[in-house]
Amino acid sequence: MDLIATPKNPVPLGVSAGHITARKGAKLRFARWPSSLRERRGTVCVFPGRSEFIEKYFEVVGELRRRGFAVAVLDWRGQGGSSRLLRNRLRGYVRSFADYEDDLGRFMNEVVLPDCPPPYFALAHSMGSTVLLKAATMRGCWFSRMVMTAPMLKVPLPLSPRATAAVLTSLRLCGLGGVPVPGGMRAYVESQEFEDNLLTSDRERFLRNQSVVAAAPELAIGPPTIAWVRAALAAMAEIGSDKFPSRLRVPVLMLAASDDRLVSSLAIEELAMRLKVGSQLVLRGARHEILQERDVIRQQFWAAFDAFVPGATLSKAS
């Protein structure tokens, strides 16, 4: 599908968009833009969180391009404009996060490396950060540095992670992997209203994102399925293992939201303390989607980004 424009969320000029084919025939939608400046400061690859889509990052794309970066964005399999994996398009499904890791590799090798200038930096949110942290342990990882907002390292659960994983495994073996988690649809419906939403305290950005989904309902995704949560728990358990910090090969900046009720800010702090090449910063008053937050919070994000990523100098003409 083409990129969707709305009056308050126009497509940034100069875009090149399309699809690539990944594992199991999944079609992955991507978009890329050149820098707005003559200087080539490299490329920032943006990796959204669960349920997000490329259009949600148009504002961020502009801010990165005005800093001299080319930008490339990926829609993960099962969401946005990429292939859906179940007949019911609203159900968020993946069998294993290894599929997301394959998406990442295809995107880098077929979209970024051939047509985007180095060096390469990653900007990932929530679930996207979980995938990117695993990539940061690979020899020859593409990225010089990674910036992560509200990385998904631990989530609220009714039982311990091990007990929850055991229950979900049993349900998947019974053929229920594609069923939404209990209460998921109710939470999804509630999340469509600004009041008491868990994502952002910025009304205008919240409504802007809702207007995109209203214009293109096919971008929407509902609650995660049993299989998705089971896969997420396995990925988070690997990152939380004692051996993981020593395997990280890429400097990482993690930004946590003080008012986050979707992922654990404490887990972000604890991982940062164990990393030799990582650090973290807590943004006070922020909810889960830091890049969709109020200007005063986003300014703190960009100050941290500019200090951490080489060459990230905002153009005076912006």
Protein backbone atom coordinates (compact mmCIF):
# COMPACT_ATOMS: atom_id res chain seq x y z
CA MET A 1 0.00 0.00 0.00
CA ASP A 2 1.09 3.60 -0.60
CA LEU A 3 1.99 5.94 2.22
CA ILE A 4 -1.08 7.67 3.69
CA ALA A 5 -1.22 11.46 3.95
CA THR A 6 -3.65 13.49 6.05
CA PRO A 7 -3.93 17.30 6.35
CA LYS A 8 -2.06 17.28 9.67
CA ASN A 9 0.36 14.54 8.68
CA PRO A 10 1.62 15.06 5.10
CA VAL A 11 4.17 12.70 3.57
CA PRO A 12 7.64 14.31 3.71
CA LEU A 13 8.87 15.20 0.22
CA GLY A 14 11.47 13.09 -1.54
CA VAL A 15 10.22 9.71 -0.37
CA SER A 16 10.97 6.38 -2.01
CA ALA A 17 8.67 3.62 -0.77
CA GLY A 18 7.93 0.03 -1.62
CA HIS A 19 7.92 -3.56 -0.43
CA ILE A 20 10.51 -6.31 -0.05
CA THR A 21 9.87 -10.01 0.43
CA ALA A 22 11.00 -11.60 3.69
CA ARG A 23 10.84 -15.04 5.30
CA LYS A 24 7.72 -17.11 4.61
CA GLY A 25 6.75 -14.76 1.80
CA ALA A 26 5.89 -11.80 4.04
CA LYS A 27 5.80 -8.46 2.21
CA LEU A 28 7.50 -5.72 4.23
CA ARG A 29 6.69 -2.09 3.54
CA PHE A 30 9.52 0.43 3.77
CA ALA A 31 10.12 4.12 3.10
CA ARG A 32 13.34 6.10 2.79
CA TRP A 33 14.27 9.76 2.39
CA PRO A 34 17.50 11.63 1.60
CA SER A 35 18.93 14.24 3.94
CA SER A 36 17.56 17.78 3.69
CA LEU A 37 21.13 19.12 3.90
CA ARG A 38 24.01 18.85 1.48
CA GLU A 39 26.18 17.26 4.15
CA ARG A 40 25.90 13.48 4.30
CA ARG A 41 25.93 12.60 7.98
CA GLY A 42 24.78 9.04 7.53
CA THR A 43 21.42 7.31 7.84
CA VAL A 44 19.09 6.84 10.79
CA CYS A 45 17.01 3.66 10.50
CA VAL A 46 13.73 3.92 12.41
CA PHE A 47 12.18 0.76 13.87
CA PRO A 48 8.65 1.26 15.27
CA GLY A 49 7.08 -0.53 18.21
CA ARG A 50 4.25 -3.04 18.19
CA SER A 51 1.12 -1.78 16.40
CA GLU A 52 2.89 1.24 14.87
CA PHE A 53 3.32 2.21 11.21
CA ILE A 54 5.58 4.38 9.06
CA GLU A 55 3.14 7.32 8.91
CA LYS A 56 3.37 7.77 12.67
CA TYR A 57 7.00 8.84 12.23
CA PHE A 58 6.64 11.53 9.54
CA GLU A 59 7.38 14.28 12.07
CA VAL A 60 10.48 12.41 13.29
CA VAL A 61 11.59 11.87 9.68
CA GLY A 62 11.59 15.63 9.12
CA GLU A 63 13.51 16.30 12.32
CA LEU A 64 16.19 13.76 11.40
CA ARG A 65 16.53 15.02 7.82
CA ARG A 66 17.02 18.59 9.09
CA ARG A 67 19.92 17.23 11.14
CA GLY A 68 21.59 16.03 7.98
CA PHE A 69 20.58 12.38 8.07
CA ALA A 70 18.97 10.22 5.45
CA VAL A 71 16.13 8.20 6.99
CA ALA A 72 14.77 4.71 6.37
CA VAL A 73 11.71 3.26 8.16
CA LEU A 74 10.36 -0.29 8.27
CA ASP A 75 6.90 -1.69 8.94
CA TRP A 76 7.43 -5.00 10.77
CA ARG A 77 5.61 -8.08 9.49
CA GLY A 78 2.04 -8.32 10.74
CA GLN A 79 1.48 -4.59 11.14
CA GLY A 80 1.32 -1.28 9.32
CA GLY A 81 1.40 -1.73 5.57
CA SER A 82 3.26 -5.05 5.71
CA SER A 83 1.70 -8.50 5.30
CA ARG A 84 -0.72 -9.57 8.01
CA LEU A 85 -0.14 -13.09 9.30
CA LEU A 86 -3.66 -14.06 10.35
CA ARG A 87 -7.01 -13.90 8.58
CA ASN A 88 -8.21 -11.46 11.24
CA ARG A 89 -6.00 -8.44 10.44
CA LEU A 90 -6.47 -6.86 13.86
CA ARG A 91 -4.74 -9.67 15.73
CA GLY A 92 -1.09 -8.99 16.46
CA TYR A 93 0.76 -12.22 15.73
CA VAL A 94 4.28 -13.57 15.37
CA ARG A 95 5.51 -17.07 16.06
CA SER A 96 9.03 -16.03 17.08
CA PHE A 97 11.02 -12.81 17.32
CA ALA A 98 13.49 -14.56 15.01
CA ASP A 99 11.05 -13.57 12.24
CA TYR A 100 11.50 -9.90 13.19
CA GLU A 101 15.27 -10.42 13.19
CA ASP A 102 14.97 -11.75 9.65
CA ASP A 103 12.89 -8.69 8.70
CA LEU A 104 15.67 -6.48 10.03
CA GLY A 105 18.33 -8.29 8.00
CA ARG A 106 16.32 -8.13 4.78
CA PHE A 107 15.57 -4.43 5.30
CA MET A 108 19.22 -3.57 5.88
CA ASN A 109 20.59 -5.68 3.01
CA GLU A 110 17.94 -4.82 0.41
CA VAL A 111 16.89 -1.25 1.29
CA VAL A 112 19.48 0.51 3.42
CA LEU A 113 22.93 -0.75 2.39
CA PRO A 114 22.38 -0.37 -1.38
CA ASP A 115 20.85 3.13 -1.34
CA CYS A 116 21.48 4.93 1.97
CA PRO A 117 24.75 6.63 2.98
CA PRO A 118 26.79 5.31 5.93
CA PRO A 119 27.38 5.42 8.83
CA TYR A 120 24.17 3.82 10.07
CA PHE A 121 22.37 4.58 13.31
CA ALA A 122 19.27 2.94 14.75
CA LEU A 123 16.32 4.67 16.41
CA ALA A 124 13.97 2.06 17.85
CA HIS A 125 10.86 2.16 20.01
CA SER A 126 9.56 -0.43 22.49
CA MET A 127 9.29 -3.79 20.67
CA GLY A 128 11.60 -2.48 17.96
CA SER A 129 14.24 -2.02 20.67
CA THR A 130 13.89 -5.64 21.76
CA VAL A 131 14.72 -6.76 18.22
CA LEU A 132 17.57 -4.27 17.86
CA LEU A 133 19.22 -5.23 21.15
CA LYS A 134 19.57 -8.77 19.85
CA ALA A 135 21.09 -7.39 16.63
CA ALA A 136 23.59 -5.41 18.71
CA THR A 137 25.18 -8.71 19.80
CA MET A 138 25.96 -9.79 16.22
CA ARG A 139 29.43 -9.66 14.72
CA GLY A 140 29.47 -7.07 11.98
CA CYS A 141 26.32 -5.33 13.22
CA TRP A 142 25.34 -2.59 10.78
CA PHE A 143 24.92 0.19 13.33
CA SER A 144 27.48 2.52 14.91
CA ARG A 145 25.09 3.56 17.68
CA MET A 146 21.53 2.82 18.79
CA VAL A 147 18.97 5.09 20.46
CA MET A 148 15.97 3.38 22.06
CA THR A 149 12.80 4.89 23.49
CA ALA A 150 10.96 2.90 26.16
CA PRO A 151 12.64 -0.39 25.19
CA MET A 152 10.47 -3.42 25.91
CA LEU A 153 12.55 -5.36 28.45
CA LYS A 154 9.85 -6.30 30.95
CA VAL A 155 6.07 -5.90 30.92
CA PRO A 156 3.38 -6.15 33.63
CA LEU A 157 2.13 -9.73 34.04
CA PRO A 158 -0.43 -11.39 36.33
CA LEU A 159 2.04 -14.22 37.04
CA SER A 160 5.83 -14.52 37.01
CA PRO A 161 7.38 -14.44 33.52
CA ARG A 162 8.26 -18.15 33.75
CA ALA A 163 4.77 -19.18 34.88
CA THR A 164 3.14 -16.96 32.25
CA ALA A 165 5.34 -18.44 29.52
CA ALA A 166 4.41 -21.97 30.63
CA VAL A 167 0.68 -21.17 30.47
CA LEU A 168 1.01 -19.52 27.07
CA THR A 169 3.05 -22.43 25.70
CA SER A 170 0.33 -24.84 26.77
CA LEU A 171 -2.33 -22.71 25.11
CA ARG A 172 -0.32 -22.48 21.89
CA LEU A 173 0.16 -26.23 21.82
CA CYS A 174 -3.62 -26.51 22.07
CA GLY A 175 -3.93 -24.49 18.86
CA LEU A 176 -4.79 -21.19 20.52
CA GLY A 177 -1.71 -19.21 19.49
CA GLY A 178 -3.77 -16.93 17.24
CA VAL A 179 -6.26 -16.03 19.98
CA PRO A 180 -5.93 -12.54 21.55
CA VAL A 181 -4.74 -12.46 25.14
CA PRO A 182 -7.59 -12.20 27.68
CA GLY A 183 -8.85 -8.64 28.02
CA GLY A 184 -6.84 -7.53 25.02
CA MET A 185 -9.72 -6.27 22.89
CA ARG A 186 -11.15 -4.27 25.79
CA ALA A 187 -7.78 -2.59 26.32
CA TYR A 188 -7.51 -1.93 22.57
CA VAL A 189 -10.92 -0.22 22.45
CA GLU A 190 -10.11 1.89 25.50
CA SER A 191 -6.81 2.98 23.96
CA GLN A 192 -8.65 4.73 21.11
CA GLU A 193 -9.72 7.62 23.38
CA PHE A 194 -7.29 10.32 24.54
CA GLU A 195 -8.56 10.45 28.11
CA ASP A 196 -6.60 8.00 30.28
CA ASN A 197 -4.64 6.65 27.30
CA LEU A 198 -1.28 5.08 28.18
CA LEU A 199 0.65 6.34 25.16
CA THR A 200 1.06 10.11 25.29
CA SER A 201 -0.01 13.22 27.19
CA ASP A 202 -0.03 15.25 23.96
CA ARG A 203 -3.59 15.50 22.70
CA GLU A 204 -2.73 16.91 19.26
CA ARG A 205 -0.24 14.18 18.39
CA PHE A 206 -2.60 11.52 19.72
CA LEU A 207 -5.44 12.82 17.53
CA ARG A 208 -3.09 13.16 14.56
CA ASN A 209 -2.19 9.48 14.80
CA GLN A 210 -5.84 8.54 15.17
CA SER A 211 -6.66 10.53 12.05
CA VAL A 212 -4.20 8.45 10.04
CA VAL A 213 -5.89 5.23 11.13
CA ALA A 214 -9.29 6.75 10.38
CA ALA A 215 -8.09 7.53 6.85
CA ALA A 216 -6.53 4.07 6.43
CA PRO A 217 -8.13 1.52 8.79
CA GLU A 218 -5.99 -1.20 7.23
CA LEU A 219 -3.02 0.21 9.18
CA ALA A 220 -4.63 -0.61 12.52
CA ILE A 221 -3.69 -3.57 14.67
CA GLY A 222 -5.46 -4.71 17.82
CA PRO A 223 -4.38 -6.72 20.87
CA PRO A 224 -1.47 -9.15 20.81
CA THR A 225 -2.16 -12.84 20.50
CA ILE A 226 -1.06 -15.62 22.83
CA ALA A 227 1.71 -16.57 20.37
CA TRP A 228 3.00 -12.99 20.18
CA VAL A 229 3.19 -12.59 23.96
CA ARG A 230 4.92 -15.95 24.31
CA ALA A 231 7.49 -14.92 21.68
CA ALA A 232 8.00 -11.55 23.37
CA LEU A 233 8.60 -13.16 26.76
CA ALA A 234 11.23 -15.45 25.23
CA ALA A 235 13.01 -12.47 23.64
CA MET A 236 12.91 -10.44 26.86
CA ALA A 237 14.19 -13.41 28.87
CA GLU A 238 17.23 -13.65 26.61
CA ILE A 239 18.01 -9.95 27.04
CA GLY A 240 17.55 -10.30 30.81
CA SER A 241 20.00 -13.19 31.10
CA ASP A 242 23.29 -12.73 32.95
CA LYS A 243 25.31 -13.37 29.79
CA PHE A 244 23.60 -10.82 27.59
CA PRO A 245 25.31 -7.53 28.66
CA SER A 246 28.81 -8.80 27.83
CA ARG A 247 27.65 -9.72 24.31
CA LEU A 248 26.51 -6.21 23.36
CA ARG A 249 28.79 -4.73 20.67
CA VAL A 250 27.11 -1.38 19.92
CA PRO A 251 26.87 1.71 22.17
CA VAL A 252 23.24 2.12 23.24
CA LEU A 253 21.31 5.06 24.69
CA MET A 254 18.01 4.02 26.30
CA LEU A 255 15.40 6.63 27.19
CA ALA A 256 12.76 5.61 29.71
CA ALA A 257 9.43 7.32 30.41
CA SER A 258 8.74 8.05 34.07
CA ASP A 259 4.97 7.50 33.65
CA ASP A 260 5.23 4.37 31.50
CA ARG A 261 2.63 1.73 32.38
CA LEU A 262 3.33 -0.55 29.41
CA VAL A 263 6.99 -1.42 29.91
CA SER A 264 9.20 -1.38 33.00
CA SER A 265 11.41 1.69 33.39
CA LEU A 266 13.17 -0.06 36.27
CA ALA A 267 14.21 -2.88 33.93
CA ILE A 268 15.71 -0.30 31.56
CA GLU A 269 17.73 1.23 34.41
CA GLU A 270 18.92 -2.17 35.59
CA LEU A 271 20.08 -3.23 32.13
CA ALA A 272 21.90 0.06 31.55
CA MET A 273 23.83 -0.44 34.80
CA ARG A 274 25.04 -3.83 33.52
CA LEU A 275 26.16 -2.62 30.10
CA LYS A 276 29.69 -1.51 29.36
CA VAL A 277 28.59 0.39 26.26
CA GLY A 278 25.15 1.56 27.34
CA SER A 279 23.49 4.38 29.26
CA GLN A 280 19.96 5.47 30.10
CA LEU A 281 17.98 8.61 30.82
CA VAL A 282 14.54 8.96 32.41
CA LEU A 283 12.26 11.61 30.91
CA ARG A 284 10.01 12.95 33.64
CA GLY A 285 6.31 13.25 32.85
CA ALA A 286 6.56 11.12 29.72
CA ARG A 287 4.25 8.24 28.91
CA HIS A 288 5.20 5.27 26.78
CA GLU A 289 5.48 6.93 23.35
CA ILE A 290 8.22 9.47 24.00
CA LEU A 291 8.45 10.64 20.38
CA GLN A 292 4.68 11.32 20.37
CA GLU A 293 4.87 13.36 23.56
CA ARG A 294 4.58 17.06 24.39
CA ASP A 295 7.23 19.41 23.00
CA VAL A 296 8.92 19.93 26.38
CA ILE A 297 9.55 16.19 26.65
CA ARG A 298 10.54 15.76 23.01
CA GLN A 299 13.08 18.58 23.38
CA GLN A 300 14.78 16.57 26.11
CA PHE A 301 14.81 13.54 23.83
CA TRP A 302 16.43 15.47 20.98
CA ALA A 303 19.02 17.02 23.28
CA ALA A 304 20.04 13.51 24.37
CA PHE A 305 19.99 12.24 20.77
CA ASP A 306 22.14 15.12 19.52
CA ALA A 307 24.70 14.57 22.27
CA PHE A 308 24.91 10.82 21.62
CA VAL A 309 24.82 10.48 17.82
CA PRO A 310 27.87 11.85 15.97
CA GLY A 311 27.07 14.63 13.50
CA ALA A 312 23.56 15.25 14.83
CA THR A 313 23.54 19.04 14.54
CA LEU A 314 20.20 20.71 13.83
CA SER A 315 20.30 23.02 10.82
CA LYS A 316 19.84 26.70 11.71
CA ALA A 317 17.50 26.98 8.74
CA SER A 318 15.03 24.47 10.20
